[in-house]
């Protein structure tokens, strides 16, 4: 039997929604990290070059950036769990079509770009709802530790997914890795369909969609610390995304020996994120947001290492350090936003303000 005192000490992260969200994110990270390698290699193996890989990456990033704020407003109006399940279902279909095209040897650049753009659109709608659900599943003094454990689990899955994905691409080909990713989205959507939303208050009456966006924008630009960090990390995401999605696979093909070494490097990055999450389970900096922001600087190291390029061993070491750094930032950012904004705005405005936006790459929510 658990006493009342023991029950009161149980962390908020042990709740049902938190468990379902963590399990679903682990499943999607296992698939998506391998698919990241597989999609780039598939483009190269069908005769594409670095420019084609960049076009595919841009096709996903552009709708993600353009629609993310709209996704926040939409997730404020629709049931979040249903929006998440719908996005997972669409991701499942798009990745399955991509897999079939690659396996049949019929994948064309325009088809790949179209499917990538669809994936970016789905992510823009999914991310605000997903982080909003996560934040509603934990609270109080346990929030920082809960976020750290969540990210440790998901990034650990990313570690395994990257290593396994690189090996699978080398052994069975890109198409089967993409097929596994489609199955992962189906499983994650099924898990998220069991989320309990009875505790989430209904949306407060307000204006239309454009009115919500204007209100959120005014609040956003009125907080110097918020928009400067978002602007800073927008540059970081662009650089890290280019290195991961375009430059890394090219360097791996030309100088490191193929997709296997690049999968190993991405695995080292995943191991670093697990290490960073473990650190944040125990460490609570007095100036949390400052500590996280300073950890952005090491993220320039992987691109520099690829530019040399360094051998696989040093590259893995650099990727490990940058993974740990980005995780310290991620936990600090997730914890600081509700602490600094929740006191003055309501739930709906927090979504429109961008609190429920995922800006950390490889968050895997």
Protein backbone atom coordinates (compact mmCIF):
# COMPACT_ATOMS: atom_id res chain seq x y z
CA UNK A 1 0.00 0.00 0.00
CA UNK A 2 1.11 3.54 -0.76
CA UNK A 3 0.56 5.98 2.05
CA UNK A 4 -0.98 9.37 1.55
CA UNK A 5 2.38 10.97 2.27
CA UNK A 6 4.09 8.80 -0.32
CA UNK A 7 1.39 9.53 -2.87
CA UNK A 8 1.81 13.24 -2.35
CA UNK A 9 5.51 12.87 -3.12
CA UNK A 10 4.92 11.01 -6.37
CA UNK A 11 6.13 13.14 -9.27
CA UNK A 12 3.55 14.68 -11.58
CA UNK A 13 5.32 13.01 -14.49
CA UNK A 14 3.91 9.63 -13.39
CA UNK A 15 0.43 10.47 -14.71
CA UNK A 16 -1.36 8.57 -17.46
CA UNK A 17 -1.14 11.34 -20.08
CA UNK A 18 2.54 11.85 -19.42
CA UNK A 19 3.19 8.13 -19.85
CA UNK A 20 1.22 7.96 -23.11
CA UNK A 21 2.90 11.07 -24.51
CA UNK A 22 6.34 9.78 -23.63
CA UNK A 23 5.69 6.35 -25.12
CA UNK A 24 4.32 7.83 -28.34
CA UNK A 25 7.27 10.22 -28.69
CA UNK A 26 9.73 7.36 -28.11
CA UNK A 27 8.09 5.35 -30.91
CA UNK A 28 8.13 8.25 -33.39
CA UNK A 29 11.75 9.12 -32.58
CA UNK A 30 12.82 5.54 -33.21
CA UNK A 31 11.36 5.77 -36.70
CA UNK A 32 12.02 9.38 -37.64
CA UNK A 33 15.75 9.44 -36.90
CA UNK A 34 16.31 6.51 -39.22
CA UNK A 35 14.02 8.11 -41.81
CA UNK A 36 16.13 11.29 -41.68
CA UNK A 37 19.10 9.29 -42.93
CA UNK A 38 17.04 7.19 -45.33
CA UNK A 39 15.39 10.12 -47.11
CA UNK A 40 18.72 11.85 -47.81
CA UNK A 41 20.36 8.63 -49.00
CA UNK A 42 17.32 7.82 -51.17
CA UNK A 43 17.69 11.14 -53.01
CA UNK A 44 21.40 10.55 -53.56
CA UNK A 45 20.90 6.95 -54.70
CA UNK A 46 18.38 8.00 -57.34
CA UNK A 47 20.94 10.27 -59.00
CA UNK A 48 20.39 13.41 -56.98
CA UNK A 49 23.12 15.68 -55.68
CA UNK A 50 23.59 17.95 -52.69
CA UNK A 51 21.33 20.58 -54.23
CA UNK A 52 18.50 18.06 -54.55
CA UNK A 53 18.90 17.00 -50.92
CA UNK A 54 18.74 20.67 -49.96
CA UNK A 55 15.56 21.17 -51.98
CA UNK A 56 13.91 18.26 -50.19
CA UNK A 57 14.95 19.66 -46.81
CA UNK A 58 13.72 23.14 -47.78
CA UNK A 59 10.40 21.71 -48.97
CA UNK A 60 9.80 20.41 -45.45
CA UNK A 61 11.15 23.44 -43.58
CA UNK A 62 9.30 26.17 -45.47
CA UNK A 63 5.72 25.13 -44.63
CA UNK A 64 6.84 24.28 -41.09
CA UNK A 65 8.11 27.82 -40.54
CA UNK A 66 5.23 29.53 -42.33
CA UNK A 67 2.43 27.55 -40.67
CA UNK A 68 3.74 27.05 -37.14
CA UNK A 69 2.00 30.12 -35.70
CA UNK A 70 -1.21 29.16 -37.46
CA UNK A 71 -0.80 25.69 -35.99
CA UNK A 72 -0.70 27.24 -32.52
CA UNK A 73 -3.94 29.10 -33.12
CA UNK A 74 -5.60 26.01 -34.60
CA UNK A 75 -4.54 23.85 -31.65
CA UNK A 76 -6.14 26.45 -29.38
CA UNK A 77 -9.48 25.93 -31.15
CA UNK A 78 -9.59 22.17 -31.82
CA UNK A 79 -9.18 19.25 -29.41
CA UNK A 80 -5.43 18.81 -29.17
CA UNK A 81 -5.40 15.04 -28.91
CA UNK A 82 -7.51 14.70 -32.06
CA UNK A 83 -5.25 17.10 -33.93
CA UNK A 84 -2.22 15.06 -32.89
CA UNK A 85 -3.80 11.77 -33.97
CA UNK A 86 -4.83 13.25 -37.33
CA UNK A 87 -1.31 14.57 -37.93
CA UNK A 88 0.16 11.16 -37.06
CA UNK A 89 -2.23 9.46 -39.47
CA UNK A 90 -1.26 11.82 -42.30
CA UNK A 91 2.43 11.29 -41.52
CA UNK A 92 1.86 7.56 -41.66
CA UNK A 93 0.27 7.81 -45.10
CA UNK A 94 2.90 10.18 -46.53
CA UNK A 95 5.82 8.07 -45.29
CA UNK A 96 4.16 4.89 -46.59
CA UNK A 97 3.78 6.46 -50.05
CA UNK A 98 7.41 7.62 -49.92
CA UNK A 99 8.52 4.10 -48.97
CA UNK A 100 6.55 2.53 -51.82
CA UNK A 101 8.03 4.95 -54.35
CA UNK A 102 11.59 4.28 -53.16
CA UNK A 103 11.12 0.50 -53.06
CA UNK A 104 9.65 0.56 -56.57
CA UNK A 105 12.51 2.72 -57.84
CA UNK A 106 10.01 5.33 -59.02
CA UNK A 107 10.77 8.20 -56.64
CA UNK A 108 11.13 11.51 -58.49
CA UNK A 109 12.46 14.72 -57.02
CA UNK A 110 9.12 16.54 -57.27
CA UNK A 111 7.35 13.66 -55.54
CA UNK A 112 9.90 13.63 -52.74
CA UNK A 113 9.59 17.40 -52.30
CA UNK A 114 5.80 17.20 -52.25
CA UNK A 115 5.80 14.49 -49.58
CA UNK A 116 8.37 16.43 -47.55
CA UNK A 117 6.23 19.57 -47.75
CA UNK A 118 3.25 17.54 -46.55
CA UNK A 119 5.34 16.31 -43.63
CA UNK A 120 6.33 19.88 -42.73
CA UNK A 121 2.69 20.98 -42.82
CA UNK A 122 1.67 18.12 -40.57
CA UNK A 123 4.48 18.96 -38.14
CA UNK A 124 3.38 22.60 -37.98
CA UNK A 125 -0.10 21.50 -36.92
CA UNK A 126 1.14 18.75 -34.61
CA UNK A 127 3.89 20.49 -32.64
CA UNK A 128 1.89 23.17 -30.78
CA UNK A 129 -0.79 20.66 -29.78
CA UNK A 130 1.83 18.12 -28.68
CA UNK A 131 3.79 20.46 -26.47
CA UNK A 132 0.60 21.95 -25.07
CA UNK A 133 -0.55 18.47 -24.06
CA UNK A 134 2.83 17.72 -22.50
CA UNK A 135 2.81 20.92 -20.47
CA UNK A 136 -0.71 20.21 -19.24
CA UNK A 137 0.42 16.77 -17.99
CA UNK A 138 3.02 18.10 -15.53
CA UNK A 139 3.06 21.02 -13.14
CA UNK A 140 4.71 22.68 -10.20
CA UNK A 141 8.06 21.75 -8.74
CA UNK A 142 8.29 18.53 -10.73
CA UNK A 143 8.00 20.18 -14.16
CA UNK A 144 11.72 20.62 -14.85
CA UNK A 145 12.56 17.04 -13.90
CA UNK A 146 9.57 15.70 -15.84
CA UNK A 147 10.63 17.56 -18.99
CA UNK A 148 14.19 16.27 -18.56
CA UNK A 149 13.02 12.66 -18.18
CA UNK A 150 10.70 13.03 -21.17
CA UNK A 151 13.48 14.35 -23.35
CA UNK A 152 15.92 11.75 -22.05
CA UNK A 153 13.54 8.98 -23.10
CA UNK A 154 12.80 10.45 -26.50
CA UNK A 155 16.37 11.36 -27.29
CA UNK A 156 17.50 7.93 -26.17
CA UNK A 157 15.05 6.54 -28.72
CA UNK A 158 16.55 8.91 -31.27
CA UNK A 159 19.98 7.53 -30.45
CA UNK A 160 18.82 3.99 -31.13
CA UNK A 161 16.83 5.07 -34.18
CA UNK A 162 19.79 6.84 -35.78
CA UNK A 163 22.17 3.95 -35.22
CA UNK A 164 19.63 1.34 -36.32
CA UNK A 165 18.49 3.45 -39.27
CA UNK A 166 22.03 3.90 -40.58
CA UNK A 167 22.63 0.16 -40.34
CA UNK A 168 19.29 -0.69 -41.98
CA UNK A 169 19.92 1.68 -44.88
CA UNK A 170 23.23 -0.03 -45.51
CA UNK A 171 21.75 -3.55 -45.27
CA UNK A 172 18.15 -3.43 -46.59
CA UNK A 173 17.91 0.00 -48.23
CA UNK A 174 16.17 3.30 -47.62
CA UNK A 175 12.68 2.17 -48.60
CA UNK A 176 12.28 -0.29 -45.75
CA UNK A 177 13.49 2.29 -43.22
CA UNK A 178 10.81 4.69 -44.47
CA UNK A 179 8.24 1.90 -44.17
CA UNK A 180 9.23 1.35 -40.54
CA UNK A 181 8.77 5.08 -39.93
CA UNK A 182 5.23 4.87 -41.34
CA UNK A 183 4.42 2.03 -38.93
CA UNK A 184 5.89 4.05 -36.05
CA UNK A 185 3.53 6.95 -36.80
CA UNK A 186 0.57 4.55 -36.83
CA UNK A 187 1.52 3.15 -33.42
CA UNK A 188 2.11 6.63 -31.97
CA UNK A 189 -1.26 7.85 -33.24
CA UNK A 190 -2.97 4.86 -31.61
CA UNK A 191 -1.31 5.65 -28.26
CA UNK A 192 -2.26 9.32 -28.44
CA UNK A 193 -5.89 8.43 -29.11
CA UNK A 194 -6.11 7.30 -25.46
CA UNK A 195 -5.14 10.70 -24.01
CA UNK A 196 -7.49 12.07 -21.34
CA UNK A 197 -8.45 15.71 -22.03
CA UNK A 198 -11.18 16.08 -19.42
CA UNK A 199 -8.91 18.22 -17.22
CA UNK A 200 -8.22 20.80 -19.96
CA UNK A 201 -10.53 23.82 -19.60
CA UNK A 202 -12.56 24.88 -22.65
CA UNK A 203 -11.23 27.69 -24.76
CA UNK A 204 -12.17 31.15 -23.55
CA UNK A 205 -14.40 33.09 -25.95
CA UNK A 206 -12.40 35.31 -28.25
CA UNK A 207 -12.14 36.76 -31.72
CA UNK A 208 -11.38 35.08 -35.00
CA UNK A 209 -8.20 33.38 -36.11
CA UNK A 210 -6.56 36.59 -37.35
CA UNK A 211 -7.49 38.37 -34.11
CA UNK A 212 -5.87 35.57 -32.11
CA UNK A 213 -2.70 35.78 -34.19
CA UNK A 214 -2.51 39.56 -33.78
CA UNK A 215 -3.00 39.29 -30.02
CA UNK A 216 -0.34 36.62 -29.75
CA UNK A 217 2.09 38.64 -31.88
CA UNK A 218 1.67 41.73 -29.69
CA UNK A 219 2.41 39.73 -26.57
CA UNK A 220 5.36 37.99 -28.28
CA UNK A 221 7.16 41.14 -29.45
CA UNK A 222 6.47 42.78 -26.09
CA UNK A 223 8.78 40.32 -24.32
CA UNK A 224 12.39 41.00 -25.25
CA UNK A 225 13.76 37.80 -23.71
CA UNK A 226 11.25 35.69 -25.64
CA UNK A 227 11.64 37.01 -29.17
CA UNK A 228 15.42 37.38 -28.96
CA UNK A 229 15.85 33.72 -27.99
CA UNK A 230 13.40 32.61 -30.68
CA UNK A 231 15.28 34.71 -33.27
CA UNK A 232 18.60 33.28 -32.09
CA UNK A 233 17.41 29.72 -32.26
CA UNK A 234 15.77 30.21 -35.66
CA UNK A 235 19.27 30.73 -37.04
CA UNK A 236 20.55 27.74 -35.08
CA UNK A 237 17.78 25.48 -36.41
CA UNK A 238 18.59 26.51 -39.97
CA UNK A 239 22.29 25.75 -39.53
CA UNK A 240 21.81 22.48 -37.63
CA UNK A 241 19.11 21.36 -40.05
CA UNK A 242 21.35 22.04 -43.07
CA UNK A 243 24.21 20.09 -41.50
CA UNK A 244 22.02 17.13 -40.49
CA UNK A 245 19.84 16.87 -43.57
CA UNK A 246 22.18 17.96 -46.38
CA UNK A 247 25.84 18.41 -45.56
CA UNK A 248 26.30 15.44 -43.24
CA UNK A 249 25.03 12.78 -45.68
CA UNK A 250 27.18 14.27 -48.48
CA UNK A 251 30.33 14.28 -46.37
CA UNK A 252 29.53 10.75 -45.19
CA UNK A 253 29.19 9.55 -48.78
CA UNK A 254 32.34 11.26 -50.04
CA UNK A 255 34.73 11.08 -47.06
CA UNK A 256 33.44 8.83 -44.24
CA UNK A 257 32.43 5.66 -46.05
CA UNK A 258 28.66 5.91 -46.49
CA UNK A 259 25.49 6.04 -44.39
CA UNK A 260 26.81 3.78 -41.61
CA UNK A 261 29.36 6.28 -40.20
CA UNK A 262 26.87 9.12 -40.47
CA UNK A 263 24.33 7.05 -38.56
CA UNK A 264 27.01 6.47 -35.92
CA UNK A 265 27.63 10.23 -35.69
CA UNK A 266 23.91 10.90 -35.30
CA UNK A 267 23.84 8.18 -32.67
CA UNK A 268 26.60 10.00 -30.78
CA UNK A 269 24.49 13.17 -30.95
CA UNK A 270 21.59 11.18 -29.50
CA UNK A 271 23.83 9.84 -26.74
CA UNK A 272 24.80 13.42 -25.94
CA UNK A 273 21.16 14.43 -25.63
CA UNK A 274 20.60 11.58 -23.19
CA UNK A 275 23.60 12.76 -21.18
CA UNK A 276 22.31 16.32 -21.19
CA UNK A 277 18.88 15.18 -20.04
CA UNK A 278 20.44 13.14 -17.22
CA UNK A 279 22.36 16.24 -16.18
CA UNK A 280 19.18 18.32 -16.10
CA UNK A 281 17.38 15.73 -13.96
CA UNK A 282 19.86 16.54 -11.18
CA UNK A 283 21.01 20.08 -11.97
CA UNK A 284 18.78 23.14 -11.59
CA UNK A 285 20.77 26.27 -12.53
CA UNK A 286 19.94 29.37 -10.57
CA UNK A 287 19.63 31.31 -13.84
CA UNK A 288 17.99 28.60 -15.90
CA UNK A 289 17.40 30.46 -19.15
CA UNK A 290 20.90 31.97 -19.19
CA UNK A 291 22.50 28.55 -18.74
CA UNK A 292 20.40 27.18 -21.59
CA UNK A 293 21.18 30.07 -23.93
CA UNK A 294 24.95 29.76 -23.35
CA UNK A 295 24.68 26.11 -24.40
CA UNK A 296 23.65 27.19 -27.89
CA UNK A 297 27.25 28.11 -28.81
CA UNK A 298 28.61 24.51 -29.00
CA UNK A 299 26.03 23.74 -31.70
CA UNK A 300 28.33 25.36 -34.26
CA UNK A 301 30.95 22.63 -33.74
CA UNK A 302 29.41 19.80 -35.87
CA UNK A 303 29.20 21.99 -38.99
CA UNK A 304 32.82 23.02 -38.47
CA UNK A 305 33.89 19.39 -38.02
CA UNK A 306 32.11 18.38 -41.22
CA UNK A 307 33.74 21.25 -43.11
CA UNK A 308 37.27 19.95 -42.37
CA UNK A 309 36.19 17.02 -42.47
CA UNK A 310 37.42 15.23 -39.36
CA UNK A 311 37.50 11.41 -39.02
CA UNK A 312 34.51 9.54 -37.60
CA UNK A 313 35.88 9.34 -34.03
CA UNK A 314 36.38 13.09 -33.50
CA UNK A 315 33.14 13.82 -35.32
CA UNK A 316 31.25 11.56 -32.90
CA UNK A 317 32.88 13.35 -29.95
CA UNK A 318 31.81 16.73 -31.31
CA UNK A 319 28.30 15.46 -31.97
CA UNK A 320 28.07 14.11 -28.41
CA UNK A 321 29.00 17.48 -26.88
CA UNK A 322 26.56 19.37 -29.11
CA UNK A 323 23.81 16.88 -28.25
CA UNK A 324 24.35 17.45 -24.54
CA UNK A 325 24.36 21.22 -25.04
CA UNK A 326 21.13 21.28 -27.02
CA UNK A 327 19.41 19.19 -24.38
CA UNK A 328 20.39 21.60 -21.60
CA UNK A 329 18.90 24.37 -23.72
CA UNK A 330 15.78 22.34 -24.49
CA UNK A 331 14.93 21.56 -20.87
CA UNK A 332 15.73 25.13 -19.79
CA UNK A 333 13.51 26.54 -22.51
CA UNK A 334 10.58 24.22 -21.83
CA UNK A 335 10.73 24.97 -18.10
CA UNK A 336 11.29 28.73 -18.32
CA UNK A 337 8.46 29.63 -20.67
CA UNK A 338 5.55 28.60 -18.45
CA UNK A 339 7.30 30.02 -15.39
CA UNK A 340 7.74 33.44 -17.01
CA UNK A 341 4.48 33.70 -18.94
CA UNK A 342 1.82 31.70 -17.09
CA UNK A 343 1.51 34.29 -14.35
CA UNK A 344 0.15 36.93 -16.72
CA UNK A 345 -1.67 35.20 -19.58
CA UNK A 346 -4.32 32.51 -19.95
CA UNK A 347 -4.06 29.09 -21.54
CA UNK A 348 -5.37 30.16 -24.94
CA UNK A 349 -3.06 33.15 -25.25
CA UNK A 350 -0.07 31.03 -24.20
CA UNK A 351 -0.68 28.85 -27.23
CA UNK A 352 -1.01 31.81 -29.57
CA UNK A 353 2.00 33.44 -27.96
CA UNK A 354 4.21 30.54 -28.95
CA UNK A 355 4.60 28.75 -25.63
CA UNK A 356 3.38 25.57 -27.26
CA UNK A 357 5.75 25.84 -30.21
CA UNK A 358 8.60 23.37 -30.54
CA UNK A 359 11.78 25.16 -31.55
CA UNK A 360 14.36 22.61 -30.45
CA UNK A 361 15.40 20.24 -33.23
CA UNK A 362 15.03 16.56 -32.53
CA UNK A 363 12.59 17.21 -29.73
CA UNK A 364 10.63 14.30 -30.99
CA UNK A 365 7.32 15.18 -29.43
